[in-house]
Amino acid sequence: MVGMKGKGSQKEARLERLKEEIASYIEDRPGCSAADIVAYLSNERKMRNHGLTARKIGYFIPRYMKNRIGFKLDTTTGKRTYHTMA
């Protein structure tokens, strides 16, 4: 079996597209939850093949976008609400 020779350009492109889509959604609608982001990306942006869940978005944002997007904990519901950082 031959090893992978590519540099993962498709994987990087998907990662960058996901970052841009999340950032643009949060800029337009500050105070949204991870479930709102997933619903938008899956239904309106047709990113169904990415296997997105609210839990994955909750881990993705602090890992890849911690300098661009912050969150606050909504004490009434226990959910994180995301906003852009200045």
C-alpha atoms as a PDB file:
ATOM      1  CA  MET A   1       0.000   0.000   0.000  1.00  0.00           C
ATOM      2  CA  VAL A   2       1.355   3.400  -1.024  1.00  0.00           C
ATOM      3  CA  GLY A   3       1.517   6.195   1.567  1.00  0.00           C
ATOM      4  CA  MET A   4      -0.181   9.555   1.165  1.00  0.00           C
ATOM      5  CA  LYS A   5       1.906  11.943  -0.924  1.00  0.00           C
ATOM      6  CA  GLY A   6      -0.289  15.040  -0.840  1.00  0.00           C
ATOM      7  CA  LYS A   7       0.074  17.886   1.596  1.00  0.00           C
ATOM      8  CA  GLY A   8      -3.580  17.929   2.601  1.00  0.00           C
ATOM      9  CA  SER A   9      -4.615  20.922   0.513  1.00  0.00           C
ATOM     10  CA  GLN A  10      -8.282  19.876   0.430  1.00  0.00           C
ATOM     11  CA  LYS A  11      -8.295  19.458   4.190  1.00  0.00           C
ATOM     12  CA  GLU A  12      -6.749  22.903   4.632  1.00  0.00           C
ATOM     13  CA  ALA A  13      -9.241  24.418   2.197  1.00  0.00           C
ATOM     14  CA  ARG A  14     -12.177  22.937   4.145  1.00  0.00           C
ATOM     15  CA  LEU A  15     -10.699  24.206   7.406  1.00  0.00           C
ATOM     16  CA  GLU A  16     -10.244  27.724   6.025  1.00  0.00           C
ATOM     17  CA  ARG A  17     -13.746  27.767   4.523  1.00  0.00           C
ATOM     18  CA  LEU A  18     -15.230  26.640   7.813  1.00  0.00           C
ATOM     19  CA  LYS A  19     -13.327  29.358   9.689  1.00  0.00           C
ATOM     20  CA  GLU A  20     -14.530  32.044   7.289  1.00  0.00           C
ATOM     21  CA  GLU A  21     -18.138  30.846   7.333  1.00  0.00           C
ATOM     22  CA  ILE A  22     -18.221  30.758  11.142  1.00  0.00           C
ATOM     23  CA  ALA A  23     -16.571  34.181  11.449  1.00  0.00           C
ATOM     24  CA  SER A  24     -18.956  35.813   8.975  1.00  0.00           C
ATOM     25  CA  TYR A  25     -22.003  34.288  10.700  1.00  0.00           C
ATOM     26  CA  ILE A  26     -20.902  35.467  14.134  1.00  0.00           C
ATOM     27  CA  GLU A  27     -20.106  38.954  12.818  1.00  0.00           C
ATOM     28  CA  ASP A  28     -23.630  39.206  11.416  1.00  0.00           C
ATOM     29  CA  ARG A  29     -25.335  37.694  14.474  1.00  0.00           C
ATOM     30  CA  PRO A  30     -23.395  38.267  17.710  1.00  0.00           C
ATOM     31  CA  GLY A  31     -24.737  36.366  20.688  1.00  0.00           C
ATOM     32  CA  CYS A  32     -25.505  33.183  18.753  1.00  0.00           C
ATOM     33  CA  SER A  33     -24.996  29.664  20.105  1.00  0.00           C
ATOM     34  CA  ALA A  34     -23.144  26.708  18.607  1.00  0.00           C
ATOM     35  CA  ALA A  35     -26.472  25.128  17.640  1.00  0.00           C
ATOM     36  CA  ASP A  36     -27.384  28.270  15.674  1.00  0.00           C
ATOM     37  CA  ILE A  37     -24.066  28.093  13.816  1.00  0.00           C
ATOM     38  CA  VAL A  38     -24.525  24.420  12.961  1.00  0.00           C
ATOM     39  CA  ALA A  39     -28.080  24.987  11.727  1.00  0.00           C
ATOM     40  CA  TYR A  40     -26.929  27.823   9.480  1.00  0.00           C
ATOM     41  CA  LEU A  41     -23.944  25.951   8.051  1.00  0.00           C
ATOM     42  CA  SER A  42     -25.773  22.671   7.512  1.00  0.00           C
ATOM     43  CA  ASN A  43     -29.030  24.009   6.121  1.00  0.00           C
ATOM     44  CA  GLU A  44     -28.298  27.321   4.446  1.00  0.00           C
ATOM     45  CA  ARG A  45     -24.655  26.972   3.415  1.00  0.00           C
ATOM     46  CA  LYS A  46     -25.092  23.291   2.426  1.00  0.00           C
ATOM     47  CA  MET A  47     -22.071  22.062   4.417  1.00  0.00           C
ATOM     48  CA  ARG A  48     -23.778  18.776   5.287  1.00  0.00           C
ATOM     49  CA  ASN A  49     -20.831  16.533   4.442  1.00  0.00           C
ATOM     50  CA  HIS A  50     -18.693  18.085   7.161  1.00  0.00           C
ATOM     51  CA  GLY A  51     -20.432  16.188   9.971  1.00  0.00           C
ATOM     52  CA  LEU A  52     -20.925  19.302  12.057  1.00  0.00           C
ATOM     53  CA  THR A  53     -22.498  19.174  15.491  1.00  0.00           C
ATOM     54  CA  ALA A  54     -22.852  21.798  18.194  1.00  0.00           C
ATOM     55  CA  ARG A  55     -20.303  19.934  20.269  1.00  0.00           C
ATOM     56  CA  LYS A  56     -17.746  19.957  17.430  1.00  0.00           C
ATOM     57  CA  ILE A  57     -18.266  23.687  16.898  1.00  0.00           C
ATOM     58  CA  GLY A  58     -17.830  24.215  20.632  1.00  0.00           C
ATOM     59  CA  TYR A  59     -14.404  22.567  20.437  1.00  0.00           C
ATOM     60  CA  PHE A  60     -13.473  24.045  17.046  1.00  0.00           C
ATOM     61  CA  ILE A  61     -13.832  27.722  17.943  1.00  0.00           C
ATOM     62  CA  PRO A  62     -11.505  27.760  20.980  1.00  0.00           C
ATOM     63  CA  ARG A  63      -8.967  25.599  19.158  1.00  0.00           C
ATOM     64  CA  TYR A  64      -8.734  27.372  15.802  1.00  0.00           C
ATOM     65  CA  MET A  65     -10.323  30.794  16.311  1.00  0.00           C
ATOM     66  CA  LYS A  66      -9.499  31.856  19.867  1.00  0.00           C
ATOM     67  CA  ASN A  67      -7.932  35.131  18.686  1.00  0.00           C
ATOM     68  CA  ARG A  68     -10.950  36.143  16.590  1.00  0.00           C
ATOM     69  CA  ILE A  69     -14.009  34.872  18.471  1.00  0.00           C
ATOM     70  CA  GLY A  70     -14.825  35.006  22.162  1.00  0.00           C
ATOM     71  CA  PHE A  71     -17.689  33.584  24.168  1.00  0.00           C
ATOM     72  CA  LYS A  72     -19.756  34.328  27.217  1.00  0.00           C
ATOM     73  CA  LEU A  73     -21.654  31.820  29.286  1.00  0.00           C
ATOM     74  CA  ASP A  74     -25.401  32.442  29.356  1.00  0.00           C
ATOM     75  CA  THR A  75     -26.295  31.660  32.958  1.00  0.00           C
ATOM     76  CA  THR A  76     -29.993  31.087  32.299  1.00  0.00           C
ATOM     77  CA  THR A  77     -29.504  28.352  29.691  1.00  0.00           C
ATOM     78  CA  GLY A  78     -25.945  27.226  30.417  1.00  0.00           C
ATOM     79  CA  LYS A  79     -24.915  27.720  26.785  1.00  0.00           C
ATOM     80  CA  ARG A  80     -22.033  29.675  25.346  1.00  0.00           C
ATOM     81  CA  THR A  81     -22.895  32.681  23.238  1.00  0.00           C
ATOM     82  CA  TYR A  82     -20.251  33.689  20.716  1.00  0.00           C
ATOM     83  CA  HIS A  83     -19.149  37.175  19.633  1.00  0.00           C
ATOM     84  CA  THR A  84     -16.271  38.677  17.669  1.00  0.00           C
ATOM     85  CA  MET A  85     -13.361  40.111  19.562  1.00  0.00           C
ATOM     86  CA  ALA A  86     -12.337  43.712  18.934  1.00  0.00           C
END
